[in-house]
């Protein structure tokens, strides 16, 4: 597996809206490369006689009675929003930034 490049780390940082320095790009590239190599090694170890799992321990669903309760009003839900428009949360556009 090829090492992750500084350009890929910079791209991920832009998508995550993180400001990173040149030194951080180098450090993060090395750290992400170690993570990706570790994940690849886990894939190599997986044996056919071991069934795929989503959790290391069994889980049991706990159901509760579905009881209707009052919910927030639109004004209350939007009261902590940094920006609202026409009764909705307004967020910065993130799509159409790439070619």
N, C-alpha and C. Protein backbone atom coordinates (compact mmCIF):
# COMPACT_ATOMS: atom_id res chain seq x y z
N UNK A 1 0.84 -1.17 0.00
CA UNK A 1 0.00 0.00 0.00
C UNK A 1 0.89 1.24 0.00
N UNK A 2 0.56 2.18 -0.84
CA UNK A 2 1.36 3.41 -0.95
C UNK A 2 1.09 4.30 0.26
N UNK A 3 2.10 5.03 0.64
CA UNK A 3 1.96 5.97 1.76
C UNK A 3 1.00 7.08 1.37
N UNK A 4 0.30 7.60 2.35
CA UNK A 4 -0.61 8.71 2.08
C UNK A 4 0.25 9.97 1.86
N UNK A 5 -0.09 10.73 0.87
CA UNK A 5 0.72 11.89 0.51
C UNK A 5 0.31 13.12 1.32
N UNK A 6 1.20 14.09 1.33
CA UNK A 6 0.90 15.37 1.99
C UNK A 6 -0.30 16.03 1.33
N UNK A 7 -0.41 15.88 0.00
CA UNK A 7 -1.53 16.48 -0.73
C UNK A 7 -2.85 15.84 -0.30
N UNK A 8 -2.84 14.52 -0.07
CA UNK A 8 -4.06 13.85 0.39
C UNK A 8 -4.43 14.31 1.80
N UNK A 9 -3.42 14.48 2.65
CA UNK A 9 -3.68 14.97 4.00
C UNK A 9 -4.23 16.40 3.93
N UNK A 10 -3.66 17.23 3.08
CA UNK A 10 -4.15 18.60 2.92
C UNK A 10 -5.59 18.59 2.41
N UNK A 11 -5.89 17.68 1.49
CA UNK A 11 -7.26 17.56 0.97
C UNK A 11 -8.22 17.16 2.08
N UNK A 12 -7.84 16.17 2.89
CA UNK A 12 -8.68 15.76 4.01
C UNK A 12 -8.87 16.90 5.00
N UNK A 13 -7.82 17.66 5.25
CA UNK A 13 -7.91 18.81 6.16
C UNK A 13 -8.89 19.85 5.61
N UNK A 14 -8.82 20.11 4.30
CA UNK A 14 -9.76 21.07 3.70
C UNK A 14 -11.20 20.58 3.83
N UNK A 15 -11.42 19.29 3.56
CA UNK A 15 -12.77 18.74 3.68
C UNK A 15 -13.29 18.82 5.11
N UNK A 16 -12.37 18.66 6.06
CA UNK A 16 -12.72 18.72 7.48
C UNK A 16 -12.72 20.15 8.02
N UNK A 17 -12.35 21.08 7.16
CA UNK A 17 -12.26 22.48 7.53
C UNK A 17 -11.30 22.68 8.71
N UNK A 18 -10.15 22.00 8.61
CA UNK A 18 -9.09 22.12 9.63
C UNK A 18 -7.94 22.93 9.06
N UNK A 19 -7.45 23.86 9.83
CA UNK A 19 -6.26 24.62 9.44
C UNK A 19 -5.05 23.87 9.98
N UNK A 20 -4.19 23.40 9.09
CA UNK A 20 -3.00 22.67 9.52
C UNK A 20 -1.76 23.34 8.95
N UNK A 21 -0.69 23.26 9.71
CA UNK A 21 0.58 23.85 9.28
C UNK A 21 1.32 22.84 8.40
N UNK A 22 2.39 23.31 7.78
CA UNK A 22 3.22 22.44 6.95
C UNK A 22 3.80 21.30 7.78
N UNK A 23 4.23 21.60 9.01
CA UNK A 23 4.79 20.57 9.89
C UNK A 23 3.73 19.54 10.25
N UNK A 24 2.49 20.02 10.48
CA UNK A 24 1.41 19.09 10.82
C UNK A 24 1.08 18.18 9.64
N UNK A 25 1.16 18.72 8.42
CA UNK A 25 0.91 17.88 7.25
C UNK A 25 1.86 16.69 7.22
N UNK A 26 3.14 16.94 7.48
CA UNK A 26 4.11 15.85 7.50
C UNK A 26 3.82 14.86 8.62
N UNK A 27 3.53 15.39 9.81
CA UNK A 27 3.27 14.53 10.96
C UNK A 27 2.00 13.71 10.75
N UNK A 28 0.93 14.35 10.28
CA UNK A 28 -0.33 13.66 10.07
C UNK A 28 -0.22 12.62 8.95
N UNK A 29 0.55 12.92 7.92
CA UNK A 29 0.74 11.95 6.84
C UNK A 29 1.37 10.68 7.39
N UNK A 30 2.38 10.82 8.24
CA UNK A 30 3.01 9.66 8.85
C UNK A 30 2.06 8.90 9.75
N UNK A 31 1.29 9.62 10.56
CA UNK A 31 0.36 8.98 11.47
C UNK A 31 -0.77 8.27 10.72
N UNK A 32 -1.31 8.93 9.70
CA UNK A 32 -2.37 8.29 8.92
C UNK A 32 -1.86 7.08 8.16
N UNK A 33 -0.62 7.13 7.71
CA UNK A 33 -0.03 5.99 7.02
C UNK A 33 0.06 4.79 7.95
N UNK A 34 0.46 5.01 9.20
CA UNK A 34 0.53 3.92 10.18
C UNK A 34 -0.87 3.33 10.41
N UNK A 35 -1.86 4.18 10.52
CA UNK A 35 -3.24 3.72 10.72
C UNK A 35 -3.70 2.88 9.53
N UNK A 36 -3.47 3.37 8.32
CA UNK A 36 -3.90 2.65 7.12
C UNK A 36 -3.17 1.31 6.99
N UNK A 37 -1.90 1.27 7.33
CA UNK A 37 -1.16 0.01 7.29
C UNK A 37 -1.70 -0.97 8.32
N UNK A 38 -2.06 -0.48 9.49
CA UNK A 38 -2.63 -1.35 10.53
C UNK A 38 -3.96 -1.94 10.09
N UNK A 39 -4.79 -1.13 9.48
CA UNK A 39 -6.08 -1.62 8.98
C UNK A 39 -5.85 -2.66 7.89
N UNK A 40 -4.89 -2.44 7.02
CA UNK A 40 -4.58 -3.40 5.96
C UNK A 40 -4.10 -4.72 6.56
N UNK A 41 -3.31 -4.65 7.63
CA UNK A 41 -2.82 -5.88 8.28
C UNK A 41 -3.98 -6.67 8.89
N UNK A 42 -4.94 -5.99 9.46
CA UNK A 42 -6.12 -6.68 10.01
C UNK A 42 -6.84 -7.42 8.89
N UNK A 43 -6.94 -6.81 7.73
CA UNK A 43 -7.58 -7.46 6.59
C UNK A 43 -6.83 -8.70 6.13
N UNK A 44 -5.51 -8.69 6.26
CA UNK A 44 -4.71 -9.84 5.87
C UNK A 44 -4.88 -11.00 6.85
N UNK A 45 -5.12 -10.70 8.10
CA UNK A 45 -5.21 -11.72 9.14
C UNK A 45 -6.58 -12.41 9.12
N UNK A 46 -7.59 -11.73 8.65
CA UNK A 46 -8.94 -12.29 8.67
C UNK A 46 -8.95 -13.66 8.01
N UNK A 47 -9.48 -14.64 8.73
CA UNK A 47 -9.54 -16.01 8.23
C UNK A 47 -10.97 -16.37 7.84
N UNK A 48 -11.09 -17.32 6.94
CA UNK A 48 -12.42 -17.71 6.47
C UNK A 48 -13.24 -18.38 7.55
N UNK A 49 -12.59 -19.03 8.53
CA UNK A 49 -13.33 -19.72 9.58
C UNK A 49 -13.81 -18.79 10.69
N UNK A 50 -13.48 -17.50 10.59
CA UNK A 50 -13.93 -16.52 11.58
C UNK A 50 -15.03 -15.68 10.94
N UNK A 51 -16.25 -15.76 11.48
CA UNK A 51 -17.35 -15.00 10.87
C UNK A 51 -17.17 -13.50 11.07
N UNK A 52 -17.59 -12.70 10.12
CA UNK A 52 -17.50 -11.24 10.27
C UNK A 52 -18.41 -10.78 11.42
N UNK A 53 -17.95 -9.82 12.17
CA UNK A 53 -18.74 -9.28 13.28
C UNK A 53 -18.69 -7.77 13.25
N UNK A 54 -19.69 -7.17 13.84
CA UNK A 54 -19.69 -5.71 13.96
C UNK A 54 -19.27 -5.27 15.35
N UNK A 55 -19.34 -6.20 16.32
CA UNK A 55 -18.97 -5.89 17.70
C UNK A 55 -18.21 -7.07 18.29
N UNK A 56 -17.31 -6.78 19.21
CA UNK A 56 -16.52 -7.85 19.81
C UNK A 56 -17.30 -8.63 20.86
N UNK A 57 -18.36 -8.06 21.39
CA UNK A 57 -19.20 -8.76 22.36
C UNK A 57 -20.64 -8.74 21.86
N UNK A 58 -21.42 -9.76 22.19
CA UNK A 58 -22.82 -9.77 21.73
C UNK A 58 -23.61 -8.59 22.31
N UNK A 59 -24.49 -8.06 21.51
CA UNK A 59 -25.34 -6.96 21.95
C UNK A 59 -26.79 -7.41 21.99
N UNK A 60 -27.54 -6.86 22.91
CA UNK A 60 -28.96 -7.15 23.01
C UNK A 60 -29.71 -5.83 22.92
N UNK A 61 -30.71 -5.77 22.06
CA UNK A 61 -31.51 -4.56 21.97
C UNK A 61 -32.42 -4.47 23.18
N UNK A 62 -32.51 -3.29 23.71
CA UNK A 62 -33.40 -3.03 24.83
C UNK A 62 -34.49 -2.10 24.30
N UNK A 63 -35.70 -2.60 24.31
CA UNK A 63 -36.80 -1.82 23.77
C UNK A 63 -37.55 -1.15 24.92
N UNK A 64 -38.09 0.00 24.64
CA UNK A 64 -38.92 0.69 25.61
C UNK A 64 -40.25 1.00 24.93
N UNK A 65 -41.19 1.27 25.74
CA UNK A 65 -42.51 1.64 25.23
C UNK A 65 -42.38 2.96 24.47
N UNK A 66 -43.01 3.06 23.31
CA UNK A 66 -42.97 4.27 22.52
C UNK A 66 -44.07 5.20 23.03
N UNK A 67 -43.66 6.17 23.82
CA UNK A 67 -44.61 7.07 24.44
C UNK A 67 -44.43 8.46 23.84
N UNK A 68 -45.47 9.01 23.25
CA UNK A 68 -45.35 10.37 22.69
C UNK A 68 -45.12 11.39 23.81
N UNK A 69 -44.22 12.31 23.55
CA UNK A 69 -43.97 13.42 24.47
C UNK A 69 -43.93 14.70 23.67
N UNK A 70 -43.92 15.80 24.36
CA UNK A 70 -43.85 17.07 23.65
C UNK A 70 -42.42 17.27 23.14
N UNK A 71 -42.31 17.89 22.02
CA UNK A 71 -41.00 18.15 21.43
C UNK A 71 -40.75 19.65 21.44
N UNK A 72 -39.55 20.02 21.00
CA UNK A 72 -39.20 21.43 20.95
C UNK A 72 -40.05 22.15 19.91
N UNK A 73 -40.34 23.39 20.20
CA UNK A 73 -40.96 24.23 19.17
C UNK A 73 -39.88 24.61 18.17
N UNK A 74 -40.29 25.08 17.03
CA UNK A 74 -39.32 25.49 16.02
C UNK A 74 -38.42 26.60 16.56
N UNK A 75 -39.01 27.56 17.26
CA UNK A 75 -38.21 28.65 17.82
C UNK A 75 -37.21 28.14 18.85
N UNK A 76 -37.63 27.20 19.69
CA UNK A 76 -36.72 26.65 20.71
C UNK A 76 -35.59 25.87 20.06
N UNK A 77 -35.90 25.11 19.01
CA UNK A 77 -34.87 24.33 18.32
C UNK A 77 -33.85 25.24 17.66
N UNK A 78 -34.31 26.35 17.12
CA UNK A 78 -33.41 27.26 16.42
C UNK A 78 -32.76 28.29 17.34
N UNK A 79 -33.13 28.31 18.61
CA UNK A 79 -32.64 29.35 19.51
C UNK A 79 -31.12 29.31 19.70
N UNK A 80 -30.51 28.15 19.60
CA UNK A 80 -29.06 28.07 19.78
C UNK A 80 -28.29 28.04 18.48
N UNK A 81 -29.00 28.16 17.37
CA UNK A 81 -28.34 28.09 16.06
C UNK A 81 -27.55 29.37 15.80
N UNK A 82 -26.33 29.22 15.26
CA UNK A 82 -25.57 30.43 14.94
C UNK A 82 -26.21 31.23 13.82
N UNK A 83 -26.98 30.55 12.95
CA UNK A 83 -27.63 31.24 11.84
C UNK A 83 -28.88 30.46 11.45
N UNK A 84 -29.98 31.16 11.29
CA UNK A 84 -31.23 30.52 10.87
C UNK A 84 -31.82 31.36 9.73
N UNK A 85 -32.55 30.68 8.83
CA UNK A 85 -33.16 31.38 7.70
C UNK A 85 -34.47 30.68 7.39
N UNK A 86 -35.55 31.43 7.37
CA UNK A 86 -36.88 30.93 7.06
C UNK A 86 -37.24 29.69 7.89
N UNK A 87 -36.91 29.75 9.18
CA UNK A 87 -37.29 28.66 10.07
C UNK A 87 -36.43 27.42 9.96
N UNK A 88 -35.26 27.53 9.37
CA UNK A 88 -34.36 26.37 9.21
C UNK A 88 -32.97 26.75 9.66
N UNK A 89 -32.17 25.71 9.99
CA UNK A 89 -30.77 25.94 10.28
C UNK A 89 -30.08 26.35 8.99
N UNK A 90 -29.28 27.38 9.06
CA UNK A 90 -28.51 27.81 7.89
C UNK A 90 -27.05 27.42 8.13
N UNK A 91 -26.50 26.66 7.20
CA UNK A 91 -25.12 26.18 7.33
C UNK A 91 -24.33 26.59 6.10
N UNK A 92 -23.00 26.68 6.23
CA UNK A 92 -22.18 27.05 5.08
C UNK A 92 -22.24 25.97 4.00
N UNK A 93 -22.22 26.40 2.76
CA UNK A 93 -22.22 25.47 1.64
C UNK A 93 -20.88 24.74 1.61
N UNK A 94 -20.93 23.40 1.46
CA UNK A 94 -19.70 22.64 1.36
C UNK A 94 -19.62 21.87 0.05
N UNK A 95 -20.71 21.76 -0.66
CA UNK A 95 -20.70 21.05 -1.93
C UNK A 95 -20.33 22.00 -3.06
N UNK A 96 -19.99 21.45 -4.18
CA UNK A 96 -19.60 22.20 -5.38
C UNK A 96 -18.29 22.96 -5.19
N UNK A 97 -17.48 22.58 -4.18
CA UNK A 97 -16.18 23.21 -4.01
C UNK A 97 -15.11 22.48 -4.80
N UNK A 98 -15.39 21.26 -5.20
CA UNK A 98 -14.44 20.43 -5.93
C UNK A 98 -14.79 20.42 -7.41
N UNK A 99 -13.83 20.12 -8.24
CA UNK A 99 -14.11 20.01 -9.68
C UNK A 99 -14.77 18.69 -9.99
